[in-house]
Amino acid sequence: MKAMMIAAAVGLLAAVPAGAQTSVTTTTTETTGSITIAPEKRTVIRQRLSTAKPVTVKENVSVGWTVPETVELQTVPDTIVSDIPTVKGYSYFVHNDDVVLVDPKTRKVVTIVE
């Protein structure tokens, strides 16, 4: 009796078509990681923005870190956005001679231009 039940269950599983499986791809516009900027464009950003007044923070600044409200963010100038559209909508601050790009909505660091 047990063998017949197992055989019936296996038969039902075999009847399900293999192509019935589906996959779902989710796309999000939320920036939680780094953005990609070509090395030569990173040089342009560093040259043009590193002259801003540096900010001192006690925490370790890294991609994904949430910048405290005490840190004043600067808007990336339109002159840079026109050359490097990838940085449109981001803000920045300078820390330890690095330009730190931040998503102003979430205050999360998206990349550090060293």
PDB file of N, CA and C in Angstrom:
ATOM      1  N   MET A   1       0.816  -1.186   0.000  1.00  0.00           N
ATOM      2  CA  MET A   1       0.000   0.000   0.000  1.00  0.00           C
ATOM      3  C   MET A   1       0.869   1.262   0.000  1.00  0.00           C
ATOM      4  N   LYS A   2       1.885   1.270   0.880  1.00  0.00           N
ATOM      5  CA  LYS A   2       2.782   2.412   0.961  1.00  0.00           C
ATOM      6  C   LYS A   2       3.500   2.633  -0.365  1.00  0.00           C
ATOM      7  N   ALA A   3       3.908   1.550  -0.999  1.00  0.00           N
ATOM      8  CA  ALA A   3       4.619   1.635  -2.271  1.00  0.00           C
ATOM      9  C   ALA A   3       3.728   2.241  -3.342  1.00  0.00           C
ATOM     10  N   MET A   4       2.434   1.923  -3.330  1.00  0.00           N
ATOM     11  CA  MET A   4       1.515   2.484  -4.322  1.00  0.00           C
ATOM     12  C   MET A   4       1.339   3.991  -4.116  1.00  0.00           C
ATOM     13  N   MET A   5       1.309   4.440  -2.851  1.00  0.00           N
ATOM     14  CA  MET A   5       1.164   5.873  -2.564  1.00  0.00           C
ATOM     15  C   MET A   5       2.401   6.639  -3.022  1.00  0.00           C
ATOM     16  N   ILE A   6       3.554   6.064  -2.788  1.00  0.00           N
ATOM     17  CA  ILE A   6       4.803   6.710  -3.207  1.00  0.00           C
ATOM     18  C   ILE A   6       4.858   6.781  -4.730  1.00  0.00           C
ATOM     19  N   ALA A   7       4.470   5.694  -5.387  1.00  0.00           N
ATOM     20  CA  ALA A   7       4.469   5.664  -6.847  1.00  0.00           C
ATOM     21  C   ALA A   7       3.503   6.702  -7.406  1.00  0.00           C
ATOM     22  N   ALA A   8       2.357   6.863  -6.774  1.00  0.00           N
ATOM     23  CA  ALA A   8       1.368   7.846  -7.229  1.00  0.00           C
ATOM     24  C   ALA A   8       1.914   9.264  -7.059  1.00  0.00           C
ATOM     25  N   ALA A   9       2.582   9.515  -5.932  1.00  0.00           N
ATOM     26  CA  ALA A   9       3.147  10.844  -5.674  1.00  0.00           C
ATOM     27  C   ALA A   9       4.243  11.167  -6.686  1.00  0.00           C
ATOM     28  N   VAL A  10       5.090  10.207  -6.980  1.00  0.00           N
ATOM     29  CA  VAL A  10       6.150  10.402  -7.965  1.00  0.00           C
ATOM     30  C   VAL A  10       5.537  10.654  -9.330  1.00  0.00           C
ATOM     31  N   GLY A  11       4.482   9.946  -9.657  1.00  0.00           N
ATOM     32  CA  GLY A  11       3.799  10.116 -10.938  1.00  0.00           C
ATOM     33  C   GLY A  11       3.229  11.519 -11.080  1.00  0.00           C
ATOM     34  N   LEU A  12       2.657  12.056 -10.001  1.00  0.00           N
ATOM     35  CA  LEU A  12       2.114  13.421 -10.029  1.00  0.00           C
ATOM     36  C   LEU A  12       3.221  14.446 -10.226  1.00  0.00           C
ATOM     37  N   LEU A  13       4.332  14.268  -9.538  1.00  0.00           N
ATOM     38  CA  LEU A  13       5.457  15.186  -9.671  1.00  0.00           C
ATOM     39  C   LEU A  13       6.030  15.158 -11.082  1.00  0.00           C
ATOM     40  N   ALA A  14       6.051  13.982 -11.680  1.00  0.00           N
ATOM     41  CA  ALA A  14       6.587  13.853 -13.026  1.00  0.00           C
ATOM     42  C   ALA A  14       5.674  14.513 -14.048  1.00  0.00           C
ATOM     43  N   ALA A  15       4.397  14.627 -13.730  1.00  0.00           N
ATOM     44  CA  ALA A  15       3.437  15.209 -14.667  1.00  0.00           C
ATOM     45  C   ALA A  15       3.546  16.737 -14.748  1.00  0.00           C
ATOM     46  N   VAL A  16       4.180  17.379 -13.763  1.00  0.00           N
ATOM     47  CA  VAL A  16       4.320  18.834 -13.769  1.00  0.00           C
ATOM     48  C   VAL A  16       5.394  19.206 -14.788  1.00  0.00           C
ATOM     49  N   PRO A  17       5.076  20.055 -15.740  1.00  0.00           N
ATOM     50  CA  PRO A  17       6.064  20.406 -16.757  1.00  0.00           C
ATOM     51  C   PRO A  17       7.262  21.149 -16.162  1.00  0.00           C
ATOM     52  N   ALA A  18       8.442  20.826 -16.657  1.00  0.00           N
ATOM     53  CA  ALA A  18       9.677  21.436 -16.156  1.00  0.00           C
ATOM     54  C   ALA A  18       9.732  22.918 -16.490  1.00  0.00           C
ATOM     55  N   GLY A  19       9.083  23.322 -17.566  1.00  0.00           N
ATOM     56  CA  GLY A  19       9.125  24.729 -17.975  1.00  0.00           C
ATOM     57  C   GLY A  19       8.206  25.614 -17.156  1.00  0.00           C
ATOM     58  N   ALA A  20       7.520  25.072 -16.185  1.00  0.00           N
ATOM     59  CA  ALA A  20       6.575  25.855 -15.393  1.00  0.00           C
ATOM     60  C   ALA A  20       7.270  26.776 -14.394  1.00  0.00           C
ATOM     61  N   GLN A  21       8.541  26.576 -14.202  1.00  0.00           N
ATOM     62  CA  GLN A  21       9.263  27.436 -13.268  1.00  0.00           C
ATOM     63  C   GLN A  21       9.441  28.822 -13.875  1.00  0.00           C
ATOM     64  N   THR A  22       9.300  29.838 -13.050  1.00  0.00           N
ATOM     65  CA  THR A  22       9.491  31.209 -13.518  1.00  0.00           C
ATOM     66  C   THR A  22      10.498  31.906 -12.620  1.00  0.00           C
ATOM     67  N   SER A  23      11.111  32.925 -13.159  1.00  0.00           N
ATOM     68  CA  SER A  23      12.018  33.729 -12.348  1.00  0.00           C
ATOM     69  C   SER A  23      11.554  35.174 -12.428  1.00  0.00           C
ATOM     70  N   VAL A  24      11.805  35.902 -11.375  1.00  0.00           N
ATOM     71  CA  VAL A  24      11.392  37.297 -11.294  1.00  0.00           C
ATOM     72  C   VAL A  24      12.625  38.152 -11.103  1.00  0.00           C
ATOM     73  N   THR A  25      12.749  39.189 -11.925  1.00  0.00           N
ATOM     74  CA  THR A  25      13.846  40.139 -11.778  1.00  0.00           C
ATOM     75  C   THR A  25      13.265  41.445 -11.273  1.00  0.00           C
ATOM     76  N   THR A  26      13.829  41.946 -10.177  1.00  0.00           N
ATOM     77  CA  THR A  26      13.357  43.197  -9.601  1.00  0.00           C
ATOM     78  C   THR A  26      14.404  44.269  -9.833  1.00  0.00           C
ATOM     79  N   THR A  27      13.952  45.403 -10.341  1.00  0.00           N
ATOM     80  CA  THR A  27      14.849  46.529 -10.560  1.00  0.00           C
ATOM     81  C   THR A  27      14.465  47.635  -9.601  1.00  0.00           C
ATOM     82  N   THR A  28      15.463  48.231  -8.974  1.00  0.00           N
ATOM     83  CA  THR A  28      15.201  49.314  -8.042  1.00  0.00           C
ATOM     84  C   THR A  28      16.039  50.528  -8.410  1.00  0.00           C
ATOM     85  N   THR A  29      15.534  51.706  -8.112  1.00  0.00           N
ATOM     86  CA  THR A  29      16.296  52.925  -8.385  1.00  0.00           C
ATOM     87  C   THR A  29      16.937  53.466  -7.117  1.00  0.00           C
ATOM     88  N   GLU A  30      16.727  52.801  -6.005  1.00  0.00           N
ATOM     89  CA  GLU A  30      17.316  53.259  -4.751  1.00  0.00           C
ATOM     90  C   GLU A  30      18.819  53.016  -4.781  1.00  0.00           C
ATOM     91  N   THR A  31      19.581  54.009  -4.381  1.00  0.00           N
ATOM     92  CA  THR A  31      21.028  53.882  -4.382  1.00  0.00           C
ATOM     93  C   THR A  31      21.499  53.439  -3.009  1.00  0.00           C
ATOM     94  N   THR A  32      21.964  52.223  -2.939  1.00  0.00           N
ATOM     95  CA  THR A  32      22.466  51.730  -1.666  1.00  0.00           C
ATOM     96  C   THR A  32      23.910  51.291  -1.788  1.00  0.00           C
ATOM     97  N   GLY A  33      24.451  51.338  -2.982  1.00  0.00           N
ATOM     98  CA  GLY A  33      25.828  50.943  -3.189  1.00  0.00           C
ATOM     99  C   GLY A  33      26.574  52.019  -3.935  1.00  0.00           C
ATOM    100  N   SER A  34      27.654  51.642  -4.518  1.00  0.00           N
ATOM    101  CA  SER A  34      28.466  52.623  -5.219  1.00  0.00           C
ATOM    102  C   SER A  34      27.970  52.848  -6.643  1.00  0.00           C
ATOM    103  N   ILE A  35      28.354  53.976  -7.192  1.00  0.00           N
ATOM    104  CA  ILE A  35      28.075  54.261  -8.594  1.00  0.00           C
ATOM    105  C   ILE A  35      29.375  54.085  -9.353  1.00  0.00           C
ATOM    106  N   THR A  36      29.283  53.859 -10.646  1.00  0.00           N
ATOM    107  CA  THR A  36      30.467  53.641 -11.452  1.00  0.00           C
ATOM    108  C   THR A  36      30.854  54.934 -12.158  1.00  0.00           C
ATOM    109  N   ILE A  37      32.093  55.347 -11.931  1.00  0.00           N
ATOM    110  CA  ILE A  37      32.633  56.543 -12.568  1.00  0.00           C
ATOM    111  C   ILE A  37      33.993  56.155 -13.147  1.00  0.00           C
ATOM    112  N   ALA A  38      34.192  56.451 -14.422  1.00  0.00           N
ATOM    113  CA  ALA A  38      35.449  56.114 -15.101  1.00  0.00           C
ATOM    114  C   ALA A  38      36.628  56.800 -14.400  1.00  0.00           C
ATOM    115  N   PRO A  39      37.792  56.165 -14.408  1.00  0.00           N
ATOM    116  CA  PRO A  39      38.961  56.731 -13.720  1.00  0.00           C
ATOM    117  C   PRO A  39      39.299  58.167 -14.130  1.00  0.00           C
ATOM    118  N   GLU A  40      39.212  58.472 -15.418  1.00  0.00           N
ATOM    119  CA  GLU A  40      39.540  59.832 -15.854  1.00  0.00           C
ATOM    120  C   GLU A  40      38.517  60.845 -15.349  1.00  0.00           C
ATOM    121  N   LYS A  41      37.266  60.417 -15.194  1.00  0.00           N
ATOM    122  CA  LYS A  41      36.221  61.294 -14.652  1.00  0.00           C
ATOM    123  C   LYS A  41      36.395  61.474 -13.146  1.00  0.00           C
ATOM    124  N   ARG A  42      36.883  60.425 -12.479  1.00  0.00           N
ATOM    125  CA  ARG A  42      37.172  60.523 -11.045  1.00  0.00           C
ATOM    126  C   ARG A  42      38.259  61.573 -10.808  1.00  0.00           C
ATOM    127  N   THR A  43      39.233  61.623 -11.706  1.00  0.00           N
ATOM    128  CA  THR A  43      40.300  62.626 -11.608  1.00  0.00           C
ATOM    129  C   THR A  43      39.723  64.029 -11.727  1.00  0.00           C
ATOM    130  N   VAL A  44      38.800  64.224 -12.658  1.00  0.00           N
ATOM    131  CA  VAL A  44      38.146  65.530 -12.844  1.00  0.00           C
ATOM    132  C   VAL A  44      37.402  65.923 -11.560  1.00  0.00           C
ATOM    133  N   ILE A  45      36.650  64.989 -10.987  1.00  0.00           N
ATOM    134  CA  ILE A  45      35.913  65.266  -9.757  1.00  0.00           C
ATOM    135  C   ILE A  45      36.869  65.667  -8.645  1.00  0.00           C
ATOM    136  N   ARG A  46      37.904  64.900  -8.494  1.00  0.00           N
ATOM    137  CA  ARG A  46      38.888  65.170  -7.425  1.00  0.00           C
ATOM    138  C   ARG A  46      39.522  66.546  -7.604  1.00  0.00           C
ATOM    139  N   GLN A  47      39.931  66.874  -8.822  1.00  0.00           N
ATOM    140  CA  GLN A  47      40.580  68.160  -9.073  1.00  0.00           C
ATOM    141  C   GLN A  47      39.638  69.325  -8.802  1.00  0.00           C
ATOM    142  N   ARG A  48      38.387  69.197  -9.207  1.00  0.00           N
ATOM    143  CA  ARG A  48      37.451  70.322  -9.100  1.00  0.00           C
ATOM    144  C   ARG A  48      36.803  70.468  -7.725  1.00  0.00           C
ATOM    145  N   LEU A  49      36.636  69.369  -7.002  1.00  0.00           N
ATOM    146  CA  LEU A  49      35.894  69.446  -5.746  1.00  0.00           C
ATOM    147  C   LEU A  49      36.747  69.336  -4.488  1.00  0.00           C
ATOM    148  N   SER A  50      37.980  68.888  -4.604  1.00  0.00           N
ATOM    149  CA  SER A  50      38.788  68.667  -3.410  1.00  0.00           C
ATOM    150  C   SER A  50      39.223  69.958  -2.723  1.00  0.00           C
ATOM    151  N   THR A  51      38.959  71.104  -3.339  1.00  0.00           N
ATOM    152  CA  THR A  51      39.325  72.376  -2.720  1.00  0.00           C
ATOM    153  C   THR A  51      38.281  72.845  -1.700  1.00  0.00           C
ATOM    154  N   ALA A  52      37.166  72.143  -1.600  1.00  0.00           N
ATOM    155  CA  ALA A  52      36.138  72.498  -0.615  1.00  0.00           C
ATOM    156  C   ALA A  52      36.696  72.297   0.793  1.00  0.00           C
ATOM    157  N   LYS A  53      36.104  73.008   1.744  1.00  0.00           N
ATOM    158  CA  LYS A  53      36.537  72.895   3.136  1.00  0.00           C
ATOM    159  C   LYS A  53      36.337  71.459   3.624  1.00  0.00           C
ATOM    160  N   PRO A  54      37.403  70.825   4.151  1.00  0.00           N
ATOM    161  CA  PRO A  54      37.279  69.434   4.610  1.00  0.00           C
ATOM    162  C   PRO A  54      36.394  69.307   5.846  1.00  0.00           C
ATOM    163  N   VAL A  55      35.770  68.144   5.962  1.00  0.00           N
ATOM    164  CA  VAL A  55      34.895  67.823   7.082  1.00  0.00           C
ATOM    165  C   VAL A  55      35.582  66.779   7.945  1.00  0.00           C
ATOM    166  N   THR A  56      35.485  66.941   9.259  1.00  0.00           N
ATOM    167  CA  THR A  56      36.049  65.966  10.180  1.00  0.00           C
ATOM    168  C   THR A  56      34.914  65.171  10.808  1.00  0.00           C
ATOM    169  N   VAL A  57      35.008  63.847  10.712  1.00  0.00           N
ATOM    170  CA  VAL A  57      34.045  62.960  11.365  1.00  0.00           C
ATOM    171  C   VAL A  57      34.821  61.888  12.112  1.00  0.00           C
ATOM    172  N   LYS A  58      34.242  61.397  13.204  1.00  0.00           N
ATOM    173  CA  LYS A  58      34.911  60.380  14.019  1.00  0.00           C
ATOM    174  C   LYS A  58      34.737  58.982  13.445  1.00  0.00           C
ATOM    175  N   GLU A  59      33.640  58.777  12.718  1.00  0.00           N
ATOM    176  CA  GLU A  59      33.336  57.461  12.173  1.00  0.00           C
ATOM    177  C   GLU A  59      34.192  57.168  10.940  1.00  0.00           C
ATOM    178  N   ASN A  60      34.242  55.888  10.589  1.00  0.00           N
ATOM    179  CA  ASN A  60      34.940  55.459   9.381  1.00  0.00           C
ATOM    180  C   ASN A  60      34.023  55.719   8.182  1.00  0.00           C
ATOM    181  N   VAL A  61      34.465  56.541   7.259  1.00  0.00           N
ATOM    182  CA  VAL A  61      33.665  56.871   6.082  1.00  0.00           C
ATOM    183  C   VAL A  61      33.870  55.771   5.038  1.00  0.00           C
ATOM    184  N   SER A  62      32.764  55.131   4.643  1.00  0.00           N
ATOM    185  CA  SER A  62      32.830  54.066   3.649  1.00  0.00           C
ATOM    186  C   SER A  62      31.528  54.059   2.848  1.00  0.00           C
ATOM    187  N   VAL A  63      31.545  53.387   1.706  1.00  0.00           N
ATOM    188  CA  VAL A  63      30.355  53.285   0.864  1.00  0.00           C
ATOM    189  C   VAL A  63      29.247  52.601   1.660  1.00  0.00           C
ATOM    190  N   GLY A  64      28.050  53.216   1.632  1.00  0.00           N
ATOM    191  CA  GLY A  64      26.909  52.689   2.362  1.00  0.00           C
ATOM    192  C   GLY A  64      26.712  53.339   3.722  1.00  0.00           C
ATOM    193  N   TRP A  65      27.732  54.050   4.216  1.00  0.00           N
ATOM    194  CA  TRP A  65      27.649  54.709   5.520  1.00  0.00           C
ATOM    195  C   TRP A  65      26.661  55.865   5.441  1.00  0.00           C
ATOM    196  N   THR A  66      25.858  56.053   6.476  1.00  0.00           N
ATOM    197  CA  THR A  66      24.920  57.162   6.537  1.00  0.00           C
ATOM    198  C   THR A  66      25.606  58.366   7.164  1.00  0.00           C
ATOM    199  N   VAL A  67      25.642  59.456   6.417  1.00  0.00           N
ATOM    200  CA  VAL A  67      26.312  60.675   6.854  1.00  0.00           C
ATOM    201  C   VAL A  67      25.441  61.374   7.899  1.00  0.00           C
ATOM    202  N   PRO A  68      26.016  61.736   9.047  1.00  0.00           N
ATOM    203  CA  PRO A  68      25.224  62.405  10.084  1.00  0.00           C
ATOM    204  C   PRO A  68      24.697  63.762   9.614  1.00  0.00           C
ATOM    205  N   GLU A  69      23.600  64.191  10.208  1.00  0.00           N
ATOM    206  CA  GLU A  69      22.989  65.487   9.870  1.00  0.00           C
ATOM    207  C   GLU A  69      23.929  66.649  10.170  1.00  0.00           C
ATOM    208  N   THR A  70      24.899  66.441  11.041  1.00  0.00           N
ATOM    209  CA  THR A  70      25.841  67.513  11.397  1.00  0.00           C
ATOM    210  C   THR A  70      26.809  67.839  10.257  1.00  0.00           C
ATOM    211  N   VAL A  71      26.925  66.933   9.276  1.00  0.00           N
ATOM    212  CA  VAL A  71      27.810  67.165   8.133  1.00  0.00           C
ATOM    213  C   VAL A  71      27.030  67.913   7.061  1.00  0.00           C
ATOM    214  N   GLU A  72      27.549  69.076   6.676  1.00  0.00           N
ATOM    215  CA  GLU A  72      26.896  69.876   5.640  1.00  0.00           C
ATOM    216  C   GLU A  72      27.290  69.339   4.268  1.00  0.00           C
ATOM    217  N   LEU A  73      26.289  68.964   3.481  1.00  0.00           N
ATOM    218  CA  LEU A  73      26.535  68.446   2.141  1.00  0.00           C
ATOM    219  C   LEU A  73      26.480  69.583   1.129  1.00  0.00           C
ATOM    220  N   GLN A  74      27.335  69.517   0.131  1.00  0.00           N
ATOM    221  CA  GLN A  74      27.368  70.488  -0.959  1.00  0.00           C
ATOM    222  C   GLN A  74      26.756  69.842  -2.202  1.00  0.00           C
ATOM    223  N   THR A  75      26.065  70.620  -3.001  1.00  0.00           N
ATOM    224  CA  THR A  75      25.505  70.117  -4.251  1.00  0.00           C
ATOM    225  C   THR A  75      26.615  70.042  -5.289  1.00  0.00           C
ATOM    226  N   VAL A  76      26.659  68.947  -6.045  1.00  0.00           N
ATOM    227  CA  VAL A  76      27.641  68.826  -7.123  1.00  0.00           C
ATOM    228  C   VAL A  76      27.295  69.892  -8.166  1.00  0.00           C
ATOM    229  N   PRO A  77      28.263  70.762  -8.505  1.00  0.00           N
ATOM    230  CA  PRO A  77      27.987  71.856  -9.445  1.00  0.00           C
ATOM    231  C   PRO A  77      27.571  71.361 -10.831  1.00  0.00           C
ATOM    232  N   ASP A  78      26.721  72.169 -11.498  1.00  0.00           N
ATOM    233  CA  ASP A  78      26.239  71.829 -12.840  1.00  0.00           C
ATOM    234  C   ASP A  78      27.376  71.690 -13.839  1.00  0.00           C
ATOM    235  N   THR A  79      28.469  72.416 -13.629  1.00  0.00           N
ATOM    236  CA  THR A  79      29.600  72.320 -14.559  1.00  0.00           C
ATOM    237  C   THR A  79      30.204  70.915 -14.541  1.00  0.00           C
ATOM    238  N   ILE A  80      30.153  70.258 -13.403  1.00  0.00           N
ATOM    239  CA  ILE A  80      30.653  68.879 -13.310  1.00  0.00           C
ATOM    240  C   ILE A  80      29.603  67.908 -13.842  1.00  0.00           C
ATOM    241  N   VAL A  81      28.327  68.155 -13.517  1.00  0.00           N
ATOM    242  CA  VAL A  81      27.245  67.284 -13.984  1.00  0.00           C
ATOM    243  C   VAL A  81      27.195  67.261 -15.505  1.00  0.00           C
ATOM    244  N   SER A  82      27.462  68.419 -16.149  1.00  0.00           N
ATOM    245  CA  SER A  82      27.439  68.445 -17.616  1.00  0.00           C
ATOM    246  C   SER A  82      28.553  67.580 -18.204  1.00  0.00           C
ATOM    247  N   ASP A  83      29.690  67.483 -17.521  1.00  0.00           N
ATOM    248  CA  ASP A  83      30.799  66.626 -17.972  1.00  0.00           C
ATOM    249  C   ASP A  83      30.607  65.167 -17.550  1.00  0.00           C
ATOM    250  N   ILE A  84      29.997  64.982 -16.370  1.00  0.00           N
ATOM    251  CA  ILE A  84      29.847  63.645 -15.790  1.00  0.00           C
ATOM    252  C   ILE A  84      28.396  63.470 -15.330  1.00  0.00           C
ATOM    253  N   PRO A  85      27.489  63.141 -16.245  1.00  0.00           N
ATOM    254  CA  PRO A  85      26.060  63.040 -15.905  1.00  0.00           C
ATOM    255  C   PRO A  85      25.747  62.027 -14.803  1.00  0.00           C
ATOM    256  N   THR A  86      26.618  61.067 -14.581  1.00  0.00           N
ATOM    257  CA  THR A  86      26.393  60.043 -13.556  1.00  0.00           C
ATOM    258  C   THR A  86      26.235  60.640 -12.167  1.00  0.00           C
ATOM    259  N   VAL A  87      26.823  61.812 -11.928  1.00  0.00           N
ATOM    260  CA  VAL A  87      26.789  62.400 -10.589  1.00  0.00           C
ATOM    261  C   VAL A  87      25.598  63.333 -10.376  1.00  0.00           C
ATOM    262  N   LYS A  88      24.732  63.433 -11.369  1.00  0.00           N
ATOM    263  CA  LYS A  88      23.555  64.302 -11.246  1.00  0.00           C
ATOM    264  C   LYS A  88      22.696  63.864 -10.057  1.00  0.00           C
ATOM    265  N   GLY A  89      22.311  64.831  -9.249  1.00  0.00           N
ATOM    266  CA  GLY A  89      21.452  64.553  -8.110  1.00  0.00           C
ATOM    267  C   GLY A  89      22.189  64.193  -6.836  1.00  0.00           C
ATOM    268  N   TYR A  90      23.506  64.044  -6.898  1.00  0.00           N
ATOM    269  CA  TYR A  90      24.273  63.695  -5.705  1.00  0.00           C
ATOM    270  C   TYR A  90      24.856  64.946  -5.055  1.00  0.00           C
ATOM    271  N   SER A  91      25.180  64.811  -3.784  1.00  0.00           N
ATOM    272  CA  SER A  91      25.863  65.854  -3.038  1.00  0.00           C
ATOM    273  C   SER A  91      27.234  65.313  -2.670  1.00  0.00           C
ATOM    274  N   TYR A  92      28.046  66.165  -2.033  1.00  0.00           N
ATOM    275  CA  TYR A  92      29.382  65.711  -1.664  1.00  0.00           C
ATOM    276  C   TYR A  92      29.892  66.464  -0.447  1.00  0.00           C
ATOM    277  N   PHE A  93      30.957  65.901   0.131  1.00  0.00           N
ATOM    278  CA  PHE A  93      31.767  66.602   1.114  1.00  0.00           C
ATOM    279  C   PHE A  93      33.181  66.066   0.975  1.00  0.00           C
ATOM    280  N   VAL A  94      34.145  66.805   1.508  1.00  0.00           N
ATOM    281  CA  VAL A  94      35.544  66.394   1.433  1.00  0.00           C
ATOM    282  C   VAL A  94      35.963  65.892   2.806  1.00  0.00           C
ATOM    283  N   HIS A  95      36.616  64.732   2.810  1.00  0.00           N
ATOM    284  CA  HIS A  95      37.086  64.116   4.058  1.00  0.00           C
ATOM    285  C   HIS A  95      38.430  63.464   3.795  1.00  0.00           C
ATOM    286  N   ASN A  96      39.437  63.839   4.577  1.00  0.00           N
ATOM    287  CA  ASN A  96      40.789  63.271   4.420  1.00  0.00           C
ATOM    288  C   ASN A  96      41.286  63.350   2.979  1.00  0.00           C
ATOM    289  N   ASP A  97      41.109  64.482   2.342  1.00  0.00           N
ATOM    290  CA  ASP A  97      41.528  64.710   0.950  1.00  0.00           C
ATOM    291  C   ASP A  97      40.769  63.870  -0.079  1.00  0.00           C
ATOM    292  N   ASP A  98      39.704  63.227   0.329  1.00  0.00           N
ATOM    293  CA  ASP A  98      38.865  62.447  -0.586  1.00  0.00           C
ATOM    294  C   ASP A  98      37.546  63.181  -0.794  1.00  0.00           C
ATOM    295  N   VAL A  99      36.987  63.063  -1.996  1.00  0.00           N
ATOM    296  CA  VAL A  99      35.666  63.611  -2.278  1.00  0.00           C
ATOM    297  C   VAL A  99      34.663  62.480  -2.061  1.00  0.00           C
ATOM    298  N   VAL A 100      33.719  62.698  -1.156  1.00  0.00           N
ATOM    299  CA  VAL A 100      32.742  61.679  -0.791  1.00  0.00           C
ATOM    300  C   VAL A 100      31.401  62.055  -1.423  1.00  0.00           C
ATOM    301  N   LEU A 101      30.930  61.237  -2.373  1.00  0.00           N
ATOM    302  CA  LEU A 101      29.636  61.487  -3.018  1.00  0.00           C
ATOM    303  C   LEU A 101      28.535  60.803  -2.224  1.00  0.00           C
ATOM    304  N   VAL A 102      27.430  61.558  -2.031  1.00  0.00           N
ATOM    305  CA  VAL A 102      26.365  61.125  -1.141  1.00  0.00           C
ATOM    306  C   VAL A 102      25.012  61.282  -1.834  1.00  0.00           C
ATOM    307  N   ASP A 103      24.121  60.327  -1.602  1.00  0.00           N
ATOM    308  CA  ASP A 103      22.737  60.467  -2.043  1.00  0.00           C
ATOM    309  C   ASP A 103      22.060  61.373  -1.020  1.00  0.00           C
ATOM    310  N   PRO A 104      21.670  62.586  -1.412  1.00  0.00           N
ATOM    311  CA  PRO A 104      21.126  63.527  -0.428  1.00  0.00           C
ATOM    312  C   PRO A 104      19.793  63.091   0.187  1.00  0.00           C
ATOM    313  N   LYS A 105      19.054  62.216  -0.488  1.00  0.00           N
ATOM    314  CA  LYS A 105      17.763  61.753   0.042  1.00  0.00           C
ATOM    315  C   LYS A 105      17.957  60.795   1.212  1.00  0.00           C
ATOM    316  N   THR A 106      18.926  59.907   1.077  1.00  0.00           N
ATOM    317  CA  THR A 106      19.163  58.903   2.116  1.00  0.00           C
ATOM    318  C   THR A 106      20.370  59.240   2.985  1.00  0.00           C
ATOM    319  N   ARG A 107      21.198  60.191   2.515  1.00  0.00           N
ATOM    320  CA  ARG A 107      22.456  60.583   3.168  1.00  0.00           C
ATOM    321  C   ARG A 107      23.443  59.406   3.233  1.00  0.00           C
ATOM    322  N   LYS A 108      23.311  58.472   2.308  1.00  0.00           N
ATOM    323  CA  LYS A 108      24.249  57.346   2.248  1.00  0.00           C
ATOM    324  C   LYS A 108      25.357  57.646   1.253  1.00  0.00           C
ATOM    325  N   VAL A 109      26.584  57.242   1.621  1.00  0.00           N
ATOM    326  CA  VAL A 109      27.739  57.411   0.746  1.00  0.00           C
ATOM    327  C   VAL A 109      27.604  56.444  -0.423  1.00  0.00           C
ATOM    328  N   VAL A 110      27.724  56.970  -1.668  1.00  0.00           N
ATOM    329  CA  VAL A 110      27.611  56.113  -2.847  1.00  0.00           C
ATOM    330  C   VAL A 110      28.970  55.803  -3.454  1.00  0.00           C
ATOM    331  N   THR A 111      29.933  56.705  -3.275  1.00  0.00           N
ATOM    332  CA  THR A 111      31.301  56.423  -3.722  1.00  0.00           C
ATOM    333  C   THR A 111      32.256  57.415  -3.079  1.00  0.00           C
ATOM    334  N   ILE A 112      33.499  57.024  -2.996  1.00  0.00           N
ATOM    335  CA  ILE A 112      34.555  57.883  -2.460  1.00  0.00           C
ATOM    336  C   ILE A 112      35.589  58.044  -3.564  1.00  0.00           C
ATOM    337  N   VAL A 113      35.849  59.292  -3.948  1.00  0.00           N
ATOM    338  CA  VAL A 113      36.831  59.572  -4.991  1.00  0.00           C
ATOM    339  C   VAL A 113      38.148  59.898  -4.285  1.00  0.00           C
ATOM    340  N   GLU A 114      39.060  58.949  -4.372  1.00  0.00           N
ATOM    341  CA  GLU A 114      40.349  59.071  -3.672  1.00  0.00           C
ATOM    342  C   GLU A 114      41.380  59.728  -4.542  1.00  0.00           C
TER     343      GLU A 114
END
